[in-house]
């Protein structure tokens, strides 16, 4: 292709220090998934159509006290992923893992070509754009934004925990989380050693 006069061609390779040279396109979909929601699963299902393999990577948010342990989140996610792939075998392979430390370091370690982030609304986009640019500048890895279905535009794990903690009906969350998670939330609310159980007793939210 002939270069247009007066237009400089950017040296992309020089600007990108990290290159995931893999035989297939592997993406990581990251988050704390505490708990995993129908919105998360919607993004995951959409991501399966774009890549050869997807890792649902469960990380730690240092700014929040975890409701579910790593093992519990892994178990919930793996059961829900198994249900998803059984219902729809077509699409990317999915595996569920957890990690600690920086997301970009984990992406390098597994050879990911992209980080997937779910976008619910314009508020999400503003914060995620800044993080995506930083990850590209620091680690040379791209971020792919997946816009969730409109039914989940305001679904958040924090909102779900607040509703459960303040005495709202757990069953009323059925439009936000799968039945498996509803059962797990019900058990947590009865456990006073858990953050959700303590909030339910104190009537407070973070």
C-alpha atoms as a PDB file:
ATOM      1  CA  UNK A   1       0.000   0.000   0.000  1.00  0.00           C
ATOM      2  CA  UNK A   2       1.371   3.415  -0.957  1.00  0.00           C
ATOM      3  CA  UNK A   3       1.730   5.829   1.891  1.00  0.00           C
ATOM      4  CA  UNK A   4      -0.304   9.055   1.533  1.00  0.00           C
ATOM      5  CA  UNK A   5       1.856  12.168   1.094  1.00  0.00           C
ATOM      6  CA  UNK A   6       2.296  14.150   4.276  1.00  0.00           C
ATOM      7  CA  UNK A   7       1.014  11.379   6.565  1.00  0.00           C
ATOM      8  CA  UNK A   8       3.456   9.738   8.930  1.00  0.00           C
ATOM      9  CA  UNK A   9       3.020   6.049   9.669  1.00  0.00           C
ATOM     10  CA  UNK A  10       3.218   5.451  13.446  1.00  0.00           C
ATOM     11  CA  UNK A  11       5.860   3.006  14.571  1.00  0.00           C
ATOM     12  CA  UNK A  12       3.505   0.731  16.533  1.00  0.00           C
ATOM     13  CA  UNK A  13       6.137  -1.888  17.328  1.00  0.00           C
ATOM     14  CA  UNK A  14       8.392   0.710  18.914  1.00  0.00           C
ATOM     15  CA  UNK A  15       5.578   1.857  21.198  1.00  0.00           C
ATOM     16  CA  UNK A  16       4.575  -1.597  22.384  1.00  0.00           C
ATOM     17  CA  UNK A  17       7.176  -3.318  24.604  1.00  0.00           C
ATOM     18  CA  UNK A  18       5.112  -6.459  25.206  1.00  0.00           C
ATOM     19  CA  UNK A  19       3.968  -8.796  22.464  1.00  0.00           C
ATOM     20  CA  UNK A  20       2.035 -11.959  23.285  1.00  0.00           C
ATOM     21  CA  UNK A  21       3.176 -14.232  20.455  1.00  0.00           C
ATOM     22  CA  UNK A  22       0.754 -17.093  20.790  1.00  0.00           C
ATOM     23  CA  UNK A  23      -0.774 -19.514  18.345  1.00  0.00           C
ATOM     24  CA  UNK A  24      -4.289 -18.543  19.409  1.00  0.00           C
ATOM     25  CA  UNK A  25      -5.877 -15.435  20.826  1.00  0.00           C
ATOM     26  CA  UNK A  26      -6.135 -15.687  24.605  1.00  0.00           C
ATOM     27  CA  UNK A  27      -7.907 -12.993  26.632  1.00  0.00           C
ATOM     28  CA  UNK A  28      -8.253 -12.551  30.364  1.00  0.00           C
ATOM     29  CA  UNK A  29     -11.490 -11.243  31.846  1.00  0.00           C
ATOM     30  CA  UNK A  30     -10.503  -9.841  35.207  1.00  0.00           C
ATOM     31  CA  UNK A  31     -12.360  -8.749  38.312  1.00  0.00           C
ATOM     32  CA  UNK A  32     -12.985  -9.603  41.940  1.00  0.00           C
ATOM     33  CA  UNK A  33     -16.323 -11.311  41.088  1.00  0.00           C
ATOM     34  CA  UNK A  34     -17.443 -10.951  44.691  1.00  0.00           C
ATOM     35  CA  UNK A  35     -20.021 -12.198  43.938  1.00  0.00           C
ATOM     36  CA  UNK A  36     -20.207 -13.098  40.266  1.00  0.00           C
ATOM     37  CA  UNK A  37     -23.355 -11.640  38.665  1.00  0.00           C
ATOM     38  CA  UNK A  38     -25.515 -12.199  35.613  1.00  0.00           C
ATOM     39  CA  UNK A  39     -23.865  -9.098  34.183  1.00  0.00           C
ATOM     40  CA  UNK A  40     -20.445 -10.737  34.496  1.00  0.00           C
ATOM     41  CA  UNK A  41     -21.732 -13.876  32.789  1.00  0.00           C
ATOM     42  CA  UNK A  42     -23.254 -11.765  30.005  1.00  0.00           C
ATOM     43  CA  UNK A  43     -19.876 -10.153  29.314  1.00  0.00           C
ATOM     44  CA  UNK A  44     -18.180 -13.554  29.438  1.00  0.00           C
ATOM     45  CA  UNK A  45     -20.646 -15.019  26.916  1.00  0.00           C
ATOM     46  CA  UNK A  46     -20.006 -12.112  24.539  1.00  0.00           C
ATOM     47  CA  UNK A  47     -16.243 -12.464  24.984  1.00  0.00           C
ATOM     48  CA  UNK A  48     -16.392 -16.128  23.937  1.00  0.00           C
ATOM     49  CA  UNK A  49     -17.390 -14.995  20.442  1.00  0.00           C
ATOM     50  CA  UNK A  50     -14.231 -12.906  19.990  1.00  0.00           C
ATOM     51  CA  UNK A  51     -11.328 -15.034  21.226  1.00  0.00           C
ATOM     52  CA  UNK A  52     -10.042 -18.601  21.011  1.00  0.00           C
ATOM     53  CA  UNK A  53      -9.673 -18.957  24.770  1.00  0.00           C
ATOM     54  CA  UNK A  54     -10.738 -16.883  27.766  1.00  0.00           C
ATOM     55  CA  UNK A  55      -9.498 -16.961  31.338  1.00  0.00           C
ATOM     56  CA  UNK A  56     -11.915 -15.629  33.913  1.00  0.00           C
ATOM     57  CA  UNK A  57      -9.259 -14.298  36.280  1.00  0.00           C
ATOM     58  CA  UNK A  58     -10.368 -13.635  39.843  1.00  0.00           C
ATOM     59  CA  UNK A  59      -8.245 -11.021  41.560  1.00  0.00           C
ATOM     60  CA  UNK A  60      -8.188  -9.228  44.882  1.00  0.00           C
ATOM     61  CA  UNK A  61      -9.500  -5.723  45.412  1.00  0.00           C
ATOM     62  CA  UNK A  62      -7.377  -4.240  48.240  1.00  0.00           C
ATOM     63  CA  UNK A  63      -9.942  -1.482  48.819  1.00  0.00           C
ATOM     64  CA  UNK A  64     -12.771  -3.849  49.782  1.00  0.00           C
ATOM     65  CA  UNK A  65     -13.250  -6.543  52.389  1.00  0.00           C
ATOM     66  CA  UNK A  66     -14.022  -9.758  50.552  1.00  0.00           C
ATOM     67  CA  UNK A  67     -17.441 -11.330  51.002  1.00  0.00           C
ATOM     68  CA  UNK A  68     -16.469 -14.672  49.466  1.00  0.00           C
ATOM     69  CA  UNK A  69     -13.055 -16.293  49.774  1.00  0.00           C
ATOM     70  CA  UNK A  70     -10.939 -17.010  46.699  1.00  0.00           C
ATOM     71  CA  UNK A  71     -11.892 -20.681  46.907  1.00  0.00           C
ATOM     72  CA  UNK A  72     -15.592 -19.871  47.157  1.00  0.00           C
ATOM     73  CA  UNK A  73     -15.443 -17.487  44.197  1.00  0.00           C
ATOM     74  CA  UNK A  74     -13.516 -20.062  42.178  1.00  0.00           C
ATOM     75  CA  UNK A  75     -16.090 -22.737  42.977  1.00  0.00           C
ATOM     76  CA  UNK A  76     -19.062 -20.524  42.077  1.00  0.00           C
ATOM     77  CA  UNK A  77     -17.465 -19.320  38.846  1.00  0.00           C
ATOM     78  CA  UNK A  78     -16.392 -22.793  37.737  1.00  0.00           C
ATOM     79  CA  UNK A  79     -19.864 -24.230  38.260  1.00  0.00           C
ATOM     80  CA  UNK A  80     -21.471 -21.352  36.356  1.00  0.00           C
ATOM     81  CA  UNK A  81     -18.925 -21.581  33.521  1.00  0.00           C
ATOM     82  CA  UNK A  82     -19.568 -25.329  33.253  1.00  0.00           C
ATOM     83  CA  UNK A  83     -23.292 -24.599  32.949  1.00  0.00           C
ATOM     84  CA  UNK A  84     -22.625 -21.941  30.300  1.00  0.00           C
ATOM     85  CA  UNK A  85     -20.427 -24.122  28.120  1.00  0.00           C
ATOM     86  CA  UNK A  86     -22.803 -27.079  28.442  1.00  0.00           C
ATOM     87  CA  UNK A  87     -25.707 -24.910  27.312  1.00  0.00           C
ATOM     88  CA  UNK A  88     -23.692 -23.347  24.471  1.00  0.00           C
ATOM     89  CA  UNK A  89     -20.696 -25.491  23.426  1.00  0.00           C
ATOM     90  CA  UNK A  90     -19.758 -23.151  20.591  1.00  0.00           C
ATOM     91  CA  UNK A  91     -17.333 -20.383  21.407  1.00  0.00           C
ATOM     92  CA  UNK A  92     -14.033 -19.965  23.161  1.00  0.00           C
ATOM     93  CA  UNK A  93     -12.768 -22.351  25.790  1.00  0.00           C
ATOM     94  CA  UNK A  94     -13.003 -20.895  29.303  1.00  0.00           C
ATOM     95  CA  UNK A  95     -10.944 -21.618  32.339  1.00  0.00           C
ATOM     96  CA  UNK A  96     -11.259 -20.009  35.761  1.00  0.00           C
ATOM     97  CA  UNK A  97      -8.197 -19.016  37.768  1.00  0.00           C
ATOM     98  CA  UNK A  98      -7.276 -16.628  40.542  1.00  0.00           C
ATOM     99  CA  UNK A  99      -4.253 -14.395  40.807  1.00  0.00           C
ATOM    100  CA  UNK A 100      -2.560 -11.901  43.107  1.00  0.00           C
ATOM    101  CA  UNK A 101      -0.503  -8.872  42.211  1.00  0.00           C
ATOM    102  CA  UNK A 102      -0.763  -6.681  39.129  1.00  0.00           C
ATOM    103  CA  UNK A 103      -3.145  -7.661  36.362  1.00  0.00           C
ATOM    104  CA  UNK A 104      -0.591  -6.821  33.656  1.00  0.00           C
ATOM    105  CA  UNK A 105       1.947  -9.162  35.267  1.00  0.00           C
ATOM    106  CA  UNK A 106      -0.623 -11.949  35.286  1.00  0.00           C
ATOM    107  CA  UNK A 107      -1.484 -11.213  31.650  1.00  0.00           C
ATOM    108  CA  UNK A 108       2.179 -11.604  30.701  1.00  0.00           C
ATOM    109  CA  UNK A 109       2.505 -14.842  32.658  1.00  0.00           C
ATOM    110  CA  UNK A 110      -0.333 -16.529  30.729  1.00  0.00           C
ATOM    111  CA  UNK A 111       0.503 -14.997  27.342  1.00  0.00           C
ATOM    112  CA  UNK A 112      -2.711 -13.010  27.020  1.00  0.00           C
ATOM    113  CA  UNK A 113      -3.154 -10.742  24.013  1.00  0.00           C
ATOM    114  CA  UNK A 114      -5.849  -8.614  25.673  1.00  0.00           C
ATOM    115  CA  UNK A 115      -7.539  -7.733  28.942  1.00  0.00           C
ATOM    116  CA  UNK A 116     -11.340  -7.760  28.760  1.00  0.00           C
ATOM    117  CA  UNK A 117     -13.339  -5.292  30.809  1.00  0.00           C
ATOM    118  CA  UNK A 118     -17.109  -5.062  31.028  1.00  0.00           C
ATOM    119  CA  UNK A 119     -18.684  -1.649  30.499  1.00  0.00           C
ATOM    120  CA  UNK A 120     -22.125  -0.986  31.954  1.00  0.00           C
ATOM    121  CA  UNK A 121     -22.463   2.753  31.429  1.00  0.00           C
ATOM    122  CA  UNK A 122     -20.581   5.982  30.718  1.00  0.00           C
ATOM    123  CA  UNK A 123     -19.331   6.160  34.302  1.00  0.00           C
ATOM    124  CA  UNK A 124     -17.528   2.841  33.877  1.00  0.00           C
ATOM    125  CA  UNK A 125     -16.040   3.971  30.574  1.00  0.00           C
ATOM    126  CA  UNK A 126     -14.321   7.042  32.010  1.00  0.00           C
ATOM    127  CA  UNK A 127     -12.442   5.093  34.672  1.00  0.00           C
ATOM    128  CA  UNK A 128     -11.678   2.075  32.491  1.00  0.00           C
ATOM    129  CA  UNK A 129     -10.245   4.220  29.673  1.00  0.00           C
ATOM    130  CA  UNK A 130      -7.674   5.704  32.014  1.00  0.00           C
ATOM    131  CA  UNK A 131      -6.672   2.256  33.268  1.00  0.00           C
ATOM    132  CA  UNK A 132      -6.514   0.852  29.719  1.00  0.00           C
ATOM    133  CA  UNK A 133      -4.198   3.638  28.550  1.00  0.00           C
ATOM    134  CA  UNK A 134      -1.948   3.110  31.566  1.00  0.00           C
ATOM    135  CA  UNK A 135      -1.759  -0.644  30.948  1.00  0.00           C
ATOM    136  CA  UNK A 136      -0.859  -0.055  27.304  1.00  0.00           C
ATOM    137  CA  UNK A 137       1.821   2.502  28.133  1.00  0.00           C
ATOM    138  CA  UNK A 138       3.327   0.496  30.970  1.00  0.00           C
ATOM    139  CA  UNK A 139       2.969  -3.053  29.676  1.00  0.00           C
ATOM    140  CA  UNK A 140       2.002  -2.773  25.998  1.00  0.00           C
ATOM    141  CA  UNK A 141      -1.152  -4.843  26.416  1.00  0.00           C
ATOM    142  CA  UNK A 142      -4.453  -3.820  24.891  1.00  0.00           C
ATOM    143  CA  UNK A 143      -7.827  -3.696  26.628  1.00  0.00           C
ATOM    144  CA  UNK A 144     -11.058  -4.784  24.954  1.00  0.00           C
ATOM    145  CA  UNK A 145     -14.263  -3.231  26.257  1.00  0.00           C
ATOM    146  CA  UNK A 146     -17.413  -5.345  26.130  1.00  0.00           C
ATOM    147  CA  UNK A 147     -20.671  -3.470  26.661  1.00  0.00           C
ATOM    148  CA  UNK A 148     -23.010  -5.524  28.798  1.00  0.00           C
ATOM    149  CA  UNK A 149     -26.648  -6.117  27.960  1.00  0.00           C
ATOM    150  CA  UNK A 150     -28.938  -3.231  28.833  1.00  0.00           C
ATOM    151  CA  UNK A 151     -30.632  -5.306  31.542  1.00  0.00           C
ATOM    152  CA  UNK A 152     -27.388  -5.192  33.528  1.00  0.00           C
ATOM    153  CA  UNK A 153     -26.451  -1.532  33.012  1.00  0.00           C
ATOM    154  CA  UNK A 154     -26.609  -0.807  36.749  1.00  0.00           C
ATOM    155  CA  UNK A 155     -25.835  -4.208  38.212  1.00  0.00           C
ATOM    156  CA  UNK A 156     -22.899  -4.191  40.617  1.00  0.00           C
ATOM    157  CA  UNK A 157     -21.532  -6.580  43.199  1.00  0.00           C
ATOM    158  CA  UNK A 158     -21.455  -3.764  45.772  1.00  0.00           C
ATOM    159  CA  UNK A 159     -25.142  -3.001  45.243  1.00  0.00           C
ATOM    160  CA  UNK A 160     -26.027  -6.666  45.603  1.00  0.00           C
ATOM    161  CA  UNK A 161     -24.122  -6.918  48.888  1.00  0.00           C
ATOM    162  CA  UNK A 162     -25.823  -3.802  50.252  1.00  0.00           C
ATOM    163  CA  UNK A 163     -29.301  -5.069  49.384  1.00  0.00           C
ATOM    164  CA  UNK A 164     -28.560  -8.407  51.034  1.00  0.00           C
ATOM    165  CA  UNK A 165     -26.995  -6.817  54.109  1.00  0.00           C
ATOM    166  CA  UNK A 166     -29.791  -4.327  54.748  1.00  0.00           C
ATOM    167  CA  UNK A 167     -32.458  -6.982  54.967  1.00  0.00           C
ATOM    168  CA  UNK A 168     -33.683  -6.975  51.392  1.00  0.00           C
ATOM    169  CA  UNK A 169     -35.184 -10.160  50.071  1.00  0.00           C
ATOM    170  CA  UNK A 170     -32.429 -12.396  48.750  1.00  0.00           C
ATOM    171  CA  UNK A 171     -34.872 -13.833  46.238  1.00  0.00           C
ATOM    172  CA  UNK A 172     -35.434 -10.330  44.819  1.00  0.00           C
ATOM    173  CA  UNK A 173     -31.869 -10.479  43.502  1.00  0.00           C
ATOM    174  CA  UNK A 174     -32.818 -13.198  41.004  1.00  0.00           C
ATOM    175  CA  UNK A 175     -32.632 -10.710  38.104  1.00  0.00           C
ATOM    176  CA  UNK A 176     -29.071  -9.790  39.107  1.00  0.00           C
ATOM    177  CA  UNK A 177     -27.367 -13.027  40.149  1.00  0.00           C
ATOM    178  CA  UNK A 178     -27.802 -16.730  39.315  1.00  0.00           C
ATOM    179  CA  UNK A 179     -29.617 -19.085  41.728  1.00  0.00           C
ATOM    180  CA  UNK A 180     -26.288 -20.586  42.803  1.00  0.00           C
ATOM    181  CA  UNK A 181     -25.145 -17.188  44.077  1.00  0.00           C
ATOM    182  CA  UNK A 182     -28.495 -16.475  45.745  1.00  0.00           C
ATOM    183  CA  UNK A 183     -28.073 -19.649  47.810  1.00  0.00           C
ATOM    184  CA  UNK A 184     -24.518 -18.643  48.721  1.00  0.00           C
ATOM    185  CA  UNK A 185     -25.637 -15.126  49.735  1.00  0.00           C
ATOM    186  CA  UNK A 186     -28.359 -16.566  51.940  1.00  0.00           C
ATOM    187  CA  UNK A 187     -25.754 -18.660  53.782  1.00  0.00           C
ATOM    188  CA  UNK A 188     -23.432 -15.674  54.180  1.00  0.00           C
ATOM    189  CA  UNK A 189     -26.147 -13.478  55.645  1.00  0.00           C
ATOM    190  CA  UNK A 190     -26.625 -15.979  58.431  1.00  0.00           C
ATOM    191  CA  UNK A 191     -22.894 -16.054  59.248  1.00  0.00           C
ATOM    192  CA  UNK A 192     -21.974 -13.259  61.681  1.00  0.00           C
ATOM    193  CA  UNK A 193     -18.259 -13.880  61.147  1.00  0.00           C
ATOM    194  CA  UNK A 194     -18.692 -12.808  57.525  1.00  0.00           C
ATOM    195  CA  UNK A 195     -18.832  -9.112  56.442  1.00  0.00           C
ATOM    196  CA  UNK A 196     -22.342  -9.598  55.047  1.00  0.00           C
ATOM    197  CA  UNK A 197     -23.585 -11.166  58.264  1.00  0.00           C
ATOM    198  CA  UNK A 198     -22.071  -8.346  60.343  1.00  0.00           C
ATOM    199  CA  UNK A 199     -23.658  -5.691  58.132  1.00  0.00           C
ATOM    200  CA  UNK A 200     -27.002  -7.419  58.409  1.00  0.00           C
ATOM    201  CA  UNK A 201     -26.768  -7.251  62.198  1.00  0.00           C
ATOM    202  CA  UNK A 202     -25.420  -3.683  62.428  1.00  0.00           C
ATOM    203  CA  UNK A 203     -27.606  -2.217  59.680  1.00  0.00           C
ATOM    204  CA  UNK A 204     -24.614  -0.454  58.154  1.00  0.00           C
ATOM    205  CA  UNK A 205     -23.110  -0.304  54.666  1.00  0.00           C
ATOM    206  CA  UNK A 206     -19.547   0.542  53.670  1.00  0.00           C
END
